[in-house]
Amino acid sequence: MSRLYLACGGLLIALALTSVDVGANNGTHRDVIRDFLIVKYCGFDSYDVTAGFRIEIMRLIDDGKTSSSAAQIDRAAAAEEVRRDWTNRGSGHADPRCMTKGRAAMDHFLAVLYNEK
């Protein structure tokens, strides 16, 4: 039994060291889309959150940090990443990461909307 706990602990540490910091994205188009898809997965999307997401996307476009061809690739890559790392686990809205990473992403978009970021 203790071996199982050690194995699970080691796996959690490895995942924590390689995980992406949701909510504090690097400002890339892919990261912003990934964070928004996580917000939707967790059920935290609202009019205000969506507005913050759109503002951030428009900033990236205005700053020239993305193009239409790169945006399509980024959307597909972000969707695959969320599918692989989040929706493929079958937890749904009960996923405990929603209360940490999902909420952080939601708070980020609300901060963008209310000019706090």
PDB file of N, CA and C in Angstrom:
ATOM      1  N   MET A   1       0.817  -1.190   0.000  1.00  0.00           N
ATOM      2  CA  MET A   1       0.000   0.000   0.000  1.00  0.00           C
ATOM      3  C   MET A   1       0.867   1.264   0.000  1.00  0.00           C
ATOM      4  N   SER A   2       1.945   1.231   0.780  1.00  0.00           N
ATOM      5  CA  SER A   2       2.798   2.417   0.841  1.00  0.00           C
ATOM      6  C   SER A   2       3.505   2.654  -0.486  1.00  0.00           C
ATOM      7  N   ARG A   3       3.770   1.585  -1.231  1.00  0.00           N
ATOM      8  CA  ARG A   3       4.383   1.750  -2.554  1.00  0.00           C
ATOM      9  C   ARG A   3       3.450   2.493  -3.492  1.00  0.00           C
ATOM     10  N   LEU A   4       2.167   2.218  -3.364  1.00  0.00           N
ATOM     11  CA  LEU A   4       1.179   2.898  -4.185  1.00  0.00           C
ATOM     12  C   LEU A   4       1.176   4.392  -3.879  1.00  0.00           C
ATOM     13  N   TYR A   5       1.224   4.731  -2.586  1.00  0.00           N
ATOM     14  CA  TYR A   5       1.258   6.141  -2.197  1.00  0.00           C
ATOM     15  C   TYR A   5       2.521   6.821  -2.712  1.00  0.00           C
ATOM     16  N   LEU A   6       3.647   6.136  -2.632  1.00  0.00           N
ATOM     17  CA  LEU A   6       4.892   6.702  -3.142  1.00  0.00           C
ATOM     18  C   LEU A   6       4.830   6.901  -4.648  1.00  0.00           C
ATOM     19  N   ALA A   7       4.283   5.922  -5.349  1.00  0.00           N
ATOM     20  CA  ALA A   7       4.168   6.046  -6.803  1.00  0.00           C
ATOM     21  C   ALA A   7       3.243   7.190  -7.181  1.00  0.00           C
ATOM     22  N   CYS A   8       2.117   7.296  -6.493  1.00  0.00           N
ATOM     23  CA  CYS A   8       1.174   8.388  -6.778  1.00  0.00           C
ATOM     24  C   CYS A   8       1.784   9.738  -6.438  1.00  0.00           C
ATOM     25  N   GLY A   9       2.488   9.801  -5.330  1.00  0.00           N
ATOM     26  CA  GLY A   9       3.153  11.048  -4.950  1.00  0.00           C
ATOM     27  C   GLY A   9       4.189  11.466  -5.961  1.00  0.00           C
ATOM     28  N   GLY A  10       4.977  10.491  -6.431  1.00  0.00           N
ATOM     29  CA  GLY A  10       5.980  10.795  -7.450  1.00  0.00           C
ATOM     30  C   GLY A  10       5.353  11.267  -8.743  1.00  0.00           C
ATOM     31  N   LEU A  11       4.241  10.644  -9.117  1.00  0.00           N
ATOM     32  CA  LEU A  11       3.539  11.051 -10.332  1.00  0.00           C
ATOM     33  C   LEU A  11       2.996  12.464 -10.196  1.00  0.00           C
ATOM     34  N   LEU A  12       2.432  12.791  -9.053  1.00  0.00           N
ATOM     35  CA  LEU A  12       1.899  14.140  -8.836  1.00  0.00           C
ATOM     36  C   LEU A  12       3.004  15.187  -8.874  1.00  0.00           C
ATOM     37  N   ILE A  13       4.138  14.871  -8.291  1.00  0.00           N
ATOM     38  CA  ILE A  13       5.264  15.812  -8.333  1.00  0.00           C
ATOM     39  C   ILE A  13       5.737  16.006  -9.758  1.00  0.00           C
ATOM     40  N   ALA A  14       5.844  14.928 -10.518  1.00  0.00           N
ATOM     41  CA  ALA A  14       6.270  15.037 -11.921  1.00  0.00           C
ATOM     42  C   ALA A  14       5.286  15.870 -12.721  1.00  0.00           C
ATOM     43  N   LEU A  15       3.988  15.657 -12.500  1.00  0.00           N
ATOM     44  CA  LEU A  15       2.984  16.444 -13.216  1.00  0.00           C
ATOM     45  C   LEU A  15       3.045  17.905 -12.822  1.00  0.00           C
ATOM     46  N   ALA A  16       3.257  18.175 -11.552  1.00  0.00           N
ATOM     47  CA  ALA A  16       3.329  19.563 -11.088  1.00  0.00           C
ATOM     48  C   ALA A  16       4.529  20.279 -11.697  1.00  0.00           C
ATOM     49  N   LEU A  17       5.629  19.579 -11.837  1.00  0.00           N
ATOM     50  CA  LEU A  17       6.827  20.200 -12.402  1.00  0.00           C
ATOM     51  C   LEU A  17       6.692  20.472 -13.891  1.00  0.00           C
ATOM     52  N   THR A  18       5.848  19.707 -14.577  1.00  0.00           N
ATOM     53  CA  THR A  18       5.718  19.894 -16.020  1.00  0.00           C
ATOM     54  C   THR A  18       4.444  20.609 -16.416  1.00  0.00           C
ATOM     55  N   SER A  19       3.588  20.944 -15.478  1.00  0.00           N
ATOM     56  CA  SER A  19       2.308  21.538 -15.837  1.00  0.00           C
ATOM     57  C   SER A  19       2.464  22.996 -16.235  1.00  0.00           C
ATOM     58  N   VAL A  20       1.512  23.463 -16.985  1.00  0.00           N
ATOM     59  CA  VAL A  20       1.478  24.841 -17.436  1.00  0.00           C
ATOM     60  C   VAL A  20       0.732  25.660 -16.393  1.00  0.00           C
ATOM     61  N   ASP A  21       1.204  26.854 -16.126  1.00  0.00           N
ATOM     62  CA  ASP A  21       0.567  27.719 -15.140  1.00  0.00           C
ATOM     63  C   ASP A  21      -0.641  28.388 -15.774  1.00  0.00           C
ATOM     64  N   VAL A  22      -1.794  27.845 -15.512  1.00  0.00           N
ATOM     65  CA  VAL A  22      -3.027  28.365 -16.077  1.00  0.00           C
ATOM     66  C   VAL A  22      -3.389  29.654 -15.371  1.00  0.00           C
ATOM     67  N   GLY A  23      -3.885  30.616 -16.106  1.00  0.00           N
ATOM     68  CA  GLY A  23      -4.300  31.876 -15.525  1.00  0.00           C
ATOM     69  C   GLY A  23      -3.202  32.921 -15.568  1.00  0.00           C
ATOM     70  N   ALA A  24      -1.979  32.486 -15.586  1.00  0.00           N
ATOM     71  CA  ALA A  24      -0.852  33.409 -15.693  1.00  0.00           C
ATOM     72  C   ALA A  24      -0.147  33.088 -17.006  1.00  0.00           C
ATOM     73  N   ASN A  25      -0.908  33.201 -18.097  1.00  0.00           N
ATOM     74  CA  ASN A  25      -0.367  32.771 -19.379  1.00  0.00           C
ATOM     75  C   ASN A  25       0.741  33.697 -19.842  1.00  0.00           C
ATOM     76  N   ASN A  26       1.481  33.209 -20.803  1.00  0.00           N
ATOM     77  CA  ASN A  26       2.619  33.952 -21.329  1.00  0.00           C
ATOM     78  C   ASN A  26       2.196  35.002 -22.347  1.00  0.00           C
ATOM     79  N   GLY A  27       0.903  35.194 -22.501  1.00  0.00           N
ATOM     80  CA  GLY A  27       0.425  36.177 -23.448  1.00  0.00           C
ATOM     81  C   GLY A  27       0.415  35.691 -24.878  1.00  0.00           C
ATOM     82  N   THR A  28       0.596  34.390 -25.083  1.00  0.00           N
ATOM     83  CA  THR A  28       0.531  33.880 -26.437  1.00  0.00           C
ATOM     84  C   THR A  28      -0.917  33.541 -26.771  1.00  0.00           C
ATOM     85  N   HIS A  29      -1.202  33.573 -28.033  1.00  0.00           N
ATOM     86  CA  HIS A  29      -2.555  33.295 -28.512  1.00  0.00           C
ATOM     87  C   HIS A  29      -3.011  31.913 -28.048  1.00  0.00           C
ATOM     88  N   ARG A  30      -2.137  30.949 -28.157  1.00  0.00           N
ATOM     89  CA  ARG A  30      -2.465  29.578 -27.757  1.00  0.00           C
ATOM     90  C   ARG A  30      -2.784  29.495 -26.260  1.00  0.00           C
ATOM     91  N   ASP A  31      -1.992  30.168 -25.441  1.00  0.00           N
ATOM     92  CA  ASP A  31      -2.221  30.145 -23.987  1.00  0.00           C
ATOM     93  C   ASP A  31      -3.557  30.775 -23.612  1.00  0.00           C
ATOM     94  N   VAL A  32      -3.892  31.870 -24.271  1.00  0.00           N
ATOM     95  CA  VAL A  32      -5.154  32.559 -23.987  1.00  0.00           C
ATOM     96  C   VAL A  32      -6.330  31.663 -24.357  1.00  0.00           C
ATOM     97  N   ILE A  33      -6.251  31.035 -25.508  1.00  0.00           N
ATOM     98  CA  ILE A  33      -7.329  30.134 -25.936  1.00  0.00           C
ATOM     99  C   ILE A  33      -7.421  28.933 -24.998  1.00  0.00           C
ATOM    100  N   ARG A  34      -6.277  28.361 -24.641  1.00  0.00           N
ATOM    101  CA  ARG A  34      -6.272  27.227 -23.721  1.00  0.00           C
ATOM    102  C   ARG A  34      -6.942  27.598 -22.392  1.00  0.00           C
ATOM    103  N   ASP A  35      -6.594  28.747 -21.859  1.00  0.00           N
ATOM    104  CA  ASP A  35      -7.181  29.169 -20.590  1.00  0.00           C
ATOM    105  C   ASP A  35      -8.698  29.356 -20.712  1.00  0.00           C
ATOM    106  N   PHE A  36      -9.148  29.909 -21.834  1.00  0.00           N
ATOM    107  CA  PHE A  36     -10.586  30.114 -22.011  1.00  0.00           C
ATOM    108  C   PHE A  36     -11.318  28.778 -22.145  1.00  0.00           C
ATOM    109  N   LEU A  37     -10.710  27.830 -22.848  1.00  0.00           N
ATOM    110  CA  LEU A  37     -11.332  26.506 -22.961  1.00  0.00           C
ATOM    111  C   LEU A  37     -11.414  25.815 -21.600  1.00  0.00           C
ATOM    112  N   ILE A  38     -10.426  26.038 -20.758  1.00  0.00           N
ATOM    113  CA  ILE A  38     -10.467  25.476 -19.402  1.00  0.00           C
ATOM    114  C   ILE A  38     -11.584  26.132 -18.599  1.00  0.00           C
ATOM    115  N   VAL A  39     -11.739  27.432 -18.743  1.00  0.00           N
ATOM    116  CA  VAL A  39     -12.833  28.138 -18.062  1.00  0.00           C
ATOM    117  C   VAL A  39     -14.177  27.561 -18.492  1.00  0.00           C
ATOM    118  N   LYS A  40     -14.339  27.333 -19.777  1.00  0.00           N
ATOM    119  CA  LYS A  40     -15.586  26.756 -20.283  1.00  0.00           C
ATOM    120  C   LYS A  40     -15.782  25.337 -19.758  1.00  0.00           C
ATOM    121  N   TYR A  41     -14.722  24.548 -19.752  1.00  0.00           N
ATOM    122  CA  TYR A  41     -14.800  23.179 -19.250  1.00  0.00           C
ATOM    123  C   TYR A  41     -15.267  23.159 -17.793  1.00  0.00           C
ATOM    124  N   CYS A  42     -14.769  24.089 -17.019  1.00  0.00           N
ATOM    125  CA  CYS A  42     -15.101  24.142 -15.594  1.00  0.00           C
ATOM    126  C   CYS A  42     -16.474  24.770 -15.335  1.00  0.00           C
ATOM    127  N   GLY A  43     -17.090  25.347 -16.353  1.00  0.00           N
ATOM    128  CA  GLY A  43     -18.403  25.952 -16.184  1.00  0.00           C
ATOM    129  C   GLY A  43     -18.351  27.364 -15.618  1.00  0.00           C
ATOM    130  N   PHE A  44     -17.202  28.017 -15.721  1.00  0.00           N
ATOM    131  CA  PHE A  44     -17.035  29.367 -15.179  1.00  0.00           C
ATOM    132  C   PHE A  44     -17.234  30.456 -16.231  1.00  0.00           C
ATOM    133  N   ASP A  45     -17.615  30.077 -17.437  1.00  0.00           N
ATOM    134  CA  ASP A  45     -17.772  31.093 -18.477  1.00  0.00           C
ATOM    135  C   ASP A  45     -19.048  31.893 -18.238  1.00  0.00           C
ATOM    136  N   SER A  46     -18.924  33.168 -18.476  1.00  0.00           N
ATOM    137  CA  SER A  46     -20.045  34.099 -18.346  1.00  0.00           C
ATOM    138  C   SER A  46     -19.839  35.193 -19.394  1.00  0.00           C
ATOM    139  N   TYR A  47     -20.787  36.111 -19.458  1.00  0.00           N
ATOM    140  CA  TYR A  47     -20.651  37.217 -20.404  1.00  0.00           C
ATOM    141  C   TYR A  47     -19.377  38.008 -20.118  1.00  0.00           C
ATOM    142  N   ASP A  48     -19.112  38.300 -18.853  1.00  0.00           N
ATOM    143  CA  ASP A  48     -17.933  39.094 -18.490  1.00  0.00           C
ATOM    144  C   ASP A  48     -16.628  38.358 -18.792  1.00  0.00           C
ATOM    145  N   VAL A  49     -16.582  37.081 -18.495  1.00  0.00           N
ATOM    146  CA  VAL A  49     -15.377  36.295 -18.769  1.00  0.00           C
ATOM    147  C   VAL A  49     -15.118  36.243 -20.274  1.00  0.00           C
ATOM    148  N   THR A  50     -16.172  36.019 -21.051  1.00  0.00           N
ATOM    149  CA  THR A  50     -16.040  35.986 -22.506  1.00  0.00           C
ATOM    150  C   THR A  50     -15.577  37.342 -23.040  1.00  0.00           C
ATOM    151  N   ALA A  51     -16.091  38.415 -22.475  1.00  0.00           N
ATOM    152  CA  ALA A  51     -15.670  39.758 -22.894  1.00  0.00           C
ATOM    153  C   ALA A  51     -14.188  39.974 -22.592  1.00  0.00           C
ATOM    154  N   GLY A  52     -13.720  39.541 -21.423  1.00  0.00           N
ATOM    155  CA  GLY A  52     -12.299  39.651 -21.086  1.00  0.00           C
ATOM    156  C   GLY A  52     -11.430  38.845 -22.028  1.00  0.00           C
ATOM    157  N   PHE A  53     -11.903  37.650 -22.391  1.00  0.00           N
ATOM    158  CA  PHE A  53     -11.188  36.814 -23.355  1.00  0.00           C
ATOM    159  C   PHE A  53     -11.088  37.529 -24.696  1.00  0.00           C
ATOM    160  N   ARG A  54     -12.185  38.086 -25.162  1.00  0.00           N
ATOM    161  CA  ARG A  54     -12.177  38.773 -26.462  1.00  0.00           C
ATOM    162  C   ARG A  54     -11.255  39.987 -26.456  1.00  0.00           C
ATOM    163  N   ILE A  55     -11.243  40.720 -25.343  1.00  0.00           N
ATOM    164  CA  ILE A  55     -10.350  41.870 -25.231  1.00  0.00           C
ATOM    165  C   ILE A  55      -8.897  41.422 -25.340  1.00  0.00           C
ATOM    166  N   GLU A  56      -8.563  40.348 -24.647  1.00  0.00           N
ATOM    167  CA  GLU A  56      -7.185  39.874 -24.684  1.00  0.00           C
ATOM    168  C   GLU A  56      -6.800  39.394 -26.085  1.00  0.00           C
ATOM    169  N   ILE A  57      -7.700  38.703 -26.759  1.00  0.00           N
ATOM    170  CA  ILE A  57      -7.429  38.261 -28.126  1.00  0.00           C
ATOM    171  C   ILE A  57      -7.223  39.474 -29.038  1.00  0.00           C
ATOM    172  N   MET A  58      -8.055  40.486 -28.892  1.00  0.00           N
ATOM    173  CA  MET A  58      -7.923  41.690 -29.720  1.00  0.00           C
ATOM    174  C   MET A  58      -6.592  42.393 -29.454  1.00  0.00           C
ATOM    175  N   ARG A  59      -6.146  42.393 -28.217  1.00  0.00           N
ATOM    176  CA  ARG A  59      -4.837  42.985 -27.903  1.00  0.00           C
ATOM    177  C   ARG A  59      -3.721  42.249 -28.619  1.00  0.00           C
ATOM    178  N   LEU A  60      -3.807  40.913 -28.635  1.00  0.00           N
ATOM    179  CA  LEU A  60      -2.783  40.133 -29.324  1.00  0.00           C
ATOM    180  C   LEU A  60      -2.780  40.429 -30.819  1.00  0.00           C
ATOM    181  N   ILE A  61      -3.950  40.574 -31.397  1.00  0.00           N
ATOM    182  CA  ILE A  61      -4.054  40.887 -32.823  1.00  0.00           C
ATOM    183  C   ILE A  61      -3.517  42.287 -33.092  1.00  0.00           C
ATOM    184  N   ASP A  62      -3.926  43.243 -32.260  1.00  0.00           N
ATOM    185  CA  ASP A  62      -3.465  44.628 -32.429  1.00  0.00           C
ATOM    186  C   ASP A  62      -1.951  44.766 -32.265  1.00  0.00           C
ATOM    187  N   ASP A  63      -1.376  43.987 -31.361  1.00  0.00           N
ATOM    188  CA  ASP A  63       0.073  44.036 -31.128  1.00  0.00           C
ATOM    189  C   ASP A  63       0.859  43.257 -32.171  1.00  0.00           C
ATOM    190  N   GLY A  64       0.142  42.600 -33.082  1.00  0.00           N
ATOM    191  CA  GLY A  64       0.802  41.829 -34.130  1.00  0.00           C
ATOM    192  C   GLY A  64       1.415  40.529 -33.630  1.00  0.00           C
ATOM    193  N   LYS A  65       0.930  40.017 -32.495  1.00  0.00           N
ATOM    194  CA  LYS A  65       1.492  38.788 -31.930  1.00  0.00           C
ATOM    195  C   LYS A  65       0.854  37.534 -32.502  1.00  0.00           C
ATOM    196  N   THR A  66      -0.097  37.693 -33.410  1.00  0.00           N
ATOM    197  CA  THR A  66      -0.706  36.534 -34.056  1.00  0.00           C
ATOM    198  C   THR A  66      -1.191  36.933 -35.442  1.00  0.00           C
ATOM    199  N   SER A  67      -1.269  35.944 -36.302  1.00  0.00           N
ATOM    200  CA  SER A  67      -1.816  36.148 -37.645  1.00  0.00           C
ATOM    201  C   SER A  67      -2.969  35.175 -37.828  1.00  0.00           C
ATOM    202  N   SER A  68      -3.732  35.334 -38.893  1.00  0.00           N
ATOM    203  CA  SER A  68      -4.893  34.461 -39.077  1.00  0.00           C
ATOM    204  C   SER A  68      -4.482  33.010 -39.291  1.00  0.00           C
ATOM    205  N   SER A  69      -3.388  32.792 -40.017  1.00  0.00           N
ATOM    206  CA  SER A  69      -2.954  31.406 -40.224  1.00  0.00           C
ATOM    207  C   SER A  69      -2.403  30.807 -38.938  1.00  0.00           C
ATOM    208  N   ALA A  70      -1.659  31.585 -38.172  1.00  0.00           N
ATOM    209  CA  ALA A  70      -1.139  31.102 -36.888  1.00  0.00           C
ATOM    210  C   ALA A  70      -2.281  30.904 -35.897  1.00  0.00           C
ATOM    211  N   ALA A  71      -3.306  31.735 -35.985  1.00  0.00           N
ATOM    212  CA  ALA A  71      -4.438  31.621 -35.063  1.00  0.00           C
ATOM    213  C   ALA A  71      -5.160  30.294 -35.231  1.00  0.00           C
ATOM    214  N   GLN A  72      -5.309  29.840 -36.465  1.00  0.00           N
ATOM    215  CA  GLN A  72      -5.957  28.547 -36.704  1.00  0.00           C
ATOM    216  C   GLN A  72      -5.150  27.409 -36.100  1.00  0.00           C
ATOM    217  N   ILE A  73      -3.857  27.468 -36.263  1.00  0.00           N
ATOM    218  CA  ILE A  73      -2.984  26.440 -35.694  1.00  0.00           C
ATOM    219  C   ILE A  73      -3.030  26.488 -34.170  1.00  0.00           C
ATOM    220  N   ASP A  74      -2.997  27.693 -33.621  1.00  0.00           N
ATOM    221  CA  ASP A  74      -3.058  27.860 -32.164  1.00  0.00           C
ATOM    222  C   ASP A  74      -4.364  27.336 -31.588  1.00  0.00           C
ATOM    223  N   ARG A  75      -5.478  27.619 -32.258  1.00  0.00           N
ATOM    224  CA  ARG A  75      -6.776  27.137 -31.771  1.00  0.00           C
ATOM    225  C   ARG A  75      -6.823  25.617 -31.741  1.00  0.00           C
ATOM    226  N   ALA A  76      -6.332  25.010 -32.802  1.00  0.00           N
ATOM    227  CA  ALA A  76      -6.332  23.541 -32.862  1.00  0.00           C
ATOM    228  C   ALA A  76      -5.412  22.949 -31.794  1.00  0.00           C
ATOM    229  N   ALA A  77      -4.245  23.550 -31.611  1.00  0.00           N
ATOM    230  CA  ALA A  77      -3.291  23.043 -30.616  1.00  0.00           C
ATOM    231  C   ALA A  77      -3.833  23.213 -29.198  1.00  0.00           C
ATOM    232  N   ALA A  78      -4.449  24.357 -28.920  1.00  0.00           N
ATOM    233  CA  ALA A  78      -5.015  24.597 -27.586  1.00  0.00           C
ATOM    234  C   ALA A  78      -6.167  23.644 -27.309  1.00  0.00           C
ATOM    235  N   ALA A  79      -7.011  23.429 -28.297  1.00  0.00           N
ATOM    236  CA  ALA A  79      -8.142  22.515 -28.123  1.00  0.00           C
ATOM    237  C   ALA A  79      -7.649  21.092 -27.867  1.00  0.00           C
ATOM    238  N   GLU A  80      -6.627  20.676 -28.570  1.00  0.00           N
ATOM    239  CA  GLU A  80      -6.075  19.334 -28.360  1.00  0.00           C
ATOM    240  C   GLU A  80      -5.441  19.217 -26.977  1.00  0.00           C
ATOM    241  N   GLU A  81      -4.740  20.264 -26.560  1.00  0.00           N
ATOM    242  CA  GLU A  81      -4.111  20.245 -25.236  1.00  0.00           C
ATOM    243  C   GLU A  81      -5.157  20.132 -24.125  1.00  0.00           C
ATOM    244  N   VAL A  82      -6.235  20.899 -24.232  1.00  0.00           N
ATOM    245  CA  VAL A  82      -7.299  20.834 -23.230  1.00  0.00           C
ATOM    246  C   VAL A  82      -8.001  19.483 -23.279  1.00  0.00           C
ATOM    247  N   ARG A  83      -8.234  18.969 -24.473  1.00  0.00           N
ATOM    248  CA  ARG A  83      -8.861  17.651 -24.586  1.00  0.00           C
ATOM    249  C   ARG A  83      -7.991  16.587 -23.925  1.00  0.00           C
ATOM    250  N   ARG A  84      -6.711  16.629 -24.209  1.00  0.00           N
ATOM    251  CA  ARG A  84      -5.789  15.625 -23.680  1.00  0.00           C
ATOM    252  C   ARG A  84      -5.611  15.747 -22.162  1.00  0.00           C
ATOM    253  N   ASP A  85      -5.428  16.964 -21.683  1.00  0.00           N
ATOM    254  CA  ASP A  85      -5.084  17.158 -20.273  1.00  0.00           C
ATOM    255  C   ASP A  85      -6.279  17.359 -19.346  1.00  0.00           C
ATOM    256  N   TRP A  86      -7.432  17.733 -19.896  1.00  0.00           N
ATOM    257  CA  TRP A  86      -8.576  18.051 -19.037  1.00  0.00           C
ATOM    258  C   TRP A  86      -9.789  17.176 -19.332  1.00  0.00           C
ATOM    259  N   THR A  87     -10.339  17.280 -20.519  1.00  0.00           N
ATOM    260  CA  THR A  87     -11.625  16.620 -20.780  1.00  0.00           C
ATOM    261  C   THR A  87     -11.504  15.114 -20.930  1.00  0.00           C
ATOM    262  N   ASN A  88     -10.340  14.617 -21.188  1.00  0.00           N
ATOM    263  CA  ASN A  88     -10.160  13.186 -21.394  1.00  0.00           C
ATOM    264  C   ASN A  88     -10.143  12.398 -20.080  1.00  0.00           C
ATOM    265  N   ARG A  89     -10.285  13.064 -18.951  1.00  0.00           N
ATOM    266  CA  ARG A  89     -10.221  12.397 -17.655  1.00  0.00           C
ATOM    267  C   ARG A  89     -11.591  12.010 -17.116  1.00  0.00           C
ATOM    268  N   GLY A  90     -12.638  12.550 -17.692  1.00  0.00           N
ATOM    269  CA  GLY A  90     -13.984  12.159 -17.318  1.00  0.00           C
ATOM    270  C   GLY A  90     -14.506  12.738 -16.020  1.00  0.00           C
ATOM    271  N   SER A  91     -13.836  13.723 -15.431  1.00  0.00           N
ATOM    272  CA  SER A  91     -14.289  14.291 -14.162  1.00  0.00           C
ATOM    273  C   SER A  91     -15.357  15.356 -14.342  1.00  0.00           C
ATOM    274  N   GLY A  92     -15.358  16.016 -15.486  1.00  0.00           N
ATOM    275  CA  GLY A  92     -16.311  17.087 -15.720  1.00  0.00           C
ATOM    276  C   GLY A  92     -16.091  18.254 -14.780  1.00  0.00           C
ATOM    277  N   HIS A  93     -17.186  18.904 -14.415  1.00  0.00           N
ATOM    278  CA  HIS A  93     -17.102  20.096 -13.562  1.00  0.00           C
ATOM    279  C   HIS A  93     -16.634  19.766 -12.150  1.00  0.00           C
ATOM    280  N   ALA A  94     -16.634  18.487 -11.786  1.00  0.00           N
ATOM    281  CA  ALA A  94     -16.187  18.081 -10.457  1.00  0.00           C
ATOM    282  C   ALA A  94     -14.669  17.987 -10.365  1.00  0.00           C
ATOM    283  N   ASP A  95     -13.975  18.247 -11.445  1.00  0.00           N
ATOM    284  CA  ASP A  95     -12.520  18.179 -11.453  1.00  0.00           C
ATOM    285  C   ASP A  95     -11.974  19.161 -10.423  1.00  0.00           C
ATOM    286  N   PRO A  96     -11.188  18.711  -9.462  1.00  0.00           N
ATOM    287  CA  PRO A  96     -10.687  19.616  -8.419  1.00  0.00           C
ATOM    288  C   PRO A  96      -9.787  20.724  -8.964  1.00  0.00           C
ATOM    289  N   ARG A  97      -9.198  20.526 -10.129  1.00  0.00           N
ATOM    290  CA  ARG A  97      -8.358  21.577 -10.717  1.00  0.00           C
ATOM    291  C   ARG A  97      -9.175  22.796 -11.116  1.00  0.00           C
ATOM    292  N   CYS A  98     -10.483  22.614 -11.265  1.00  0.00           N
ATOM    293  CA  CYS A  98     -11.327  23.755 -11.621  1.00  0.00           C
ATOM    294  C   CYS A  98     -11.308  24.823 -10.530  1.00  0.00           C
ATOM    295  N   MET A  99     -11.188  24.385  -9.287  1.00  0.00           N
ATOM    296  CA  MET A  99     -11.207  25.345  -8.191  1.00  0.00           C
ATOM    297  C   MET A  99      -9.887  26.095  -8.058  1.00  0.00           C
ATOM    298  N   THR A 100      -8.844  25.612  -8.694  1.00  0.00           N
ATOM    299  CA  THR A 100      -7.565  26.315  -8.636  1.00  0.00           C
ATOM    300  C   THR A 100      -7.227  26.895 -10.005  1.00  0.00           C
ATOM    301  N   LYS A 101      -6.906  26.033 -10.954  1.00  0.00           N
ATOM    302  CA  LYS A 101      -6.474  26.496 -12.269  1.00  0.00           C
ATOM    303  C   LYS A 101      -7.618  27.109 -13.068  1.00  0.00           C
ATOM    304  N   GLY A 102      -8.793  26.505 -12.994  1.00  0.00           N
ATOM    305  CA  GLY A 102      -9.944  27.059 -13.710  1.00  0.00           C
ATOM    306  C   GLY A 102     -10.353  28.422 -13.170  1.00  0.00           C
ATOM    307  N   ARG A 103     -10.365  28.526 -11.848  1.00  0.00           N
ATOM    308  CA  ARG A 103     -10.728  29.805 -11.230  1.00  0.00           C
ATOM    309  C   ARG A 103      -9.672  30.870 -11.507  1.00  0.00           C
ATOM    310  N   ALA A 104      -8.387  30.485 -11.520  1.00  0.00           N
ATOM    311  CA  ALA A 104      -7.323  31.442 -11.828  1.00  0.00           C
ATOM    312  C   ALA A 104      -7.475  31.987 -13.248  1.00  0.00           C
ATOM    313  N   ALA A 105      -7.831  31.112 -14.179  1.00  0.00           N
ATOM    314  CA  ALA A 105      -8.033  31.557 -15.563  1.00  0.00           C
ATOM    315  C   ALA A 105      -9.239  32.489 -15.645  1.00  0.00           C
ATOM    316  N   MET A 106     -10.317  32.152 -14.939  1.00  0.00           N
ATOM    317  CA  MET A 106     -11.501  33.009 -14.920  1.00  0.00           C
ATOM    318  C   MET A 106     -11.155  34.383 -14.338  1.00  0.00           C
ATOM    319  N   ASP A 107     -10.440  34.393 -13.225  1.00  0.00           N
ATOM    320  CA  ASP A 107     -10.051  35.661 -12.592  1.00  0.00           C
ATOM    321  C   ASP A 107      -9.178  36.497 -13.518  1.00  0.00           C
ATOM    322  N   HIS A 108      -8.330  35.834 -14.286  1.00  0.00           N
ATOM    323  CA  HIS A 108      -7.472  36.544 -15.238  1.00  0.00           C
ATOM    324  C   HIS A 108      -8.312  37.294 -16.279  1.00  0.00           C
ATOM    325  N   PHE A 109      -9.297  36.605 -16.857  1.00  0.00           N
ATOM    326  CA  PHE A 109     -10.128  37.260 -17.880  1.00  0.00           C
ATOM    327  C   PHE A 109     -10.983  38.370 -17.291  1.00  0.00           C
ATOM    328  N   LEU A 110     -11.450  38.197 -16.077  1.00  0.00           N
ATOM    329  CA  LEU A 110     -12.208  39.270 -15.416  1.00  0.00           C
ATOM    330  C   LEU A 110     -11.298  40.476 -15.147  1.00  0.00           C
ATOM    331  N   ALA A 111     -10.051  40.223 -14.776  1.00  0.00           N
ATOM    332  CA  ALA A 111      -9.105  41.317 -14.554  1.00  0.00           C
ATOM    333  C   ALA A 111      -8.822  42.072 -15.844  1.00  0.00           C
ATOM    334  N   VAL A 112      -8.740  41.344 -16.956  1.00  0.00           N
ATOM    335  CA  VAL A 112      -8.542  41.982 -18.264  1.00  0.00           C
ATOM    336  C   VAL A 112      -9.742  42.884 -18.574  1.00  0.00           C
ATOM    337  N   LEU A 113     -10.939  42.376 -18.336  1.00  0.00           N
ATOM    338  CA  LEU A 113     -12.148  43.149 -18.624  1.00  0.00           C
ATOM    339  C   LEU A 113     -12.199  44.424 -17.796  1.00  0.00           C
ATOM    340  N   TYR A 114     -11.860  44.317 -16.536  1.00  0.00           N
ATOM    341  CA  TYR A 114     -11.955  45.469 -15.638  1.00  0.00           C
ATOM    342  C   TYR A 114     -10.654  46.254 -15.542  1.00  0.00           C
ATOM    343  N   ASN A 115      -9.797  46.116 -16.565  1.00  0.00           N
ATOM    344  CA  ASN A 115      -8.546  46.873 -16.709  1.00  0.00           C
ATOM    345  C   ASN A 115      -7.609  46.719 -15.530  1.00  0.00           C
ATOM    346  N   GLU A 116      -7.604  45.559 -14.925  1.00  0.00           N
ATOM    347  CA  GLU A 116      -6.675  45.298 -13.849  1.00  0.00           C
ATOM    348  C   GLU A 116      -5.426  44.605 -14.350  1.00  0.00           C
ATOM    349  N   LYS A 117      -5.444  44.197 -15.631  1.00  0.00           N
ATOM    350  CA  LYS A 117      -4.264  43.573 -16.243  1.00  0.00           C
ATOM    351  C   LYS A 117      -4.036  44.191 -17.595  1.00  0.00           C
TER     352      LYS A 117
END
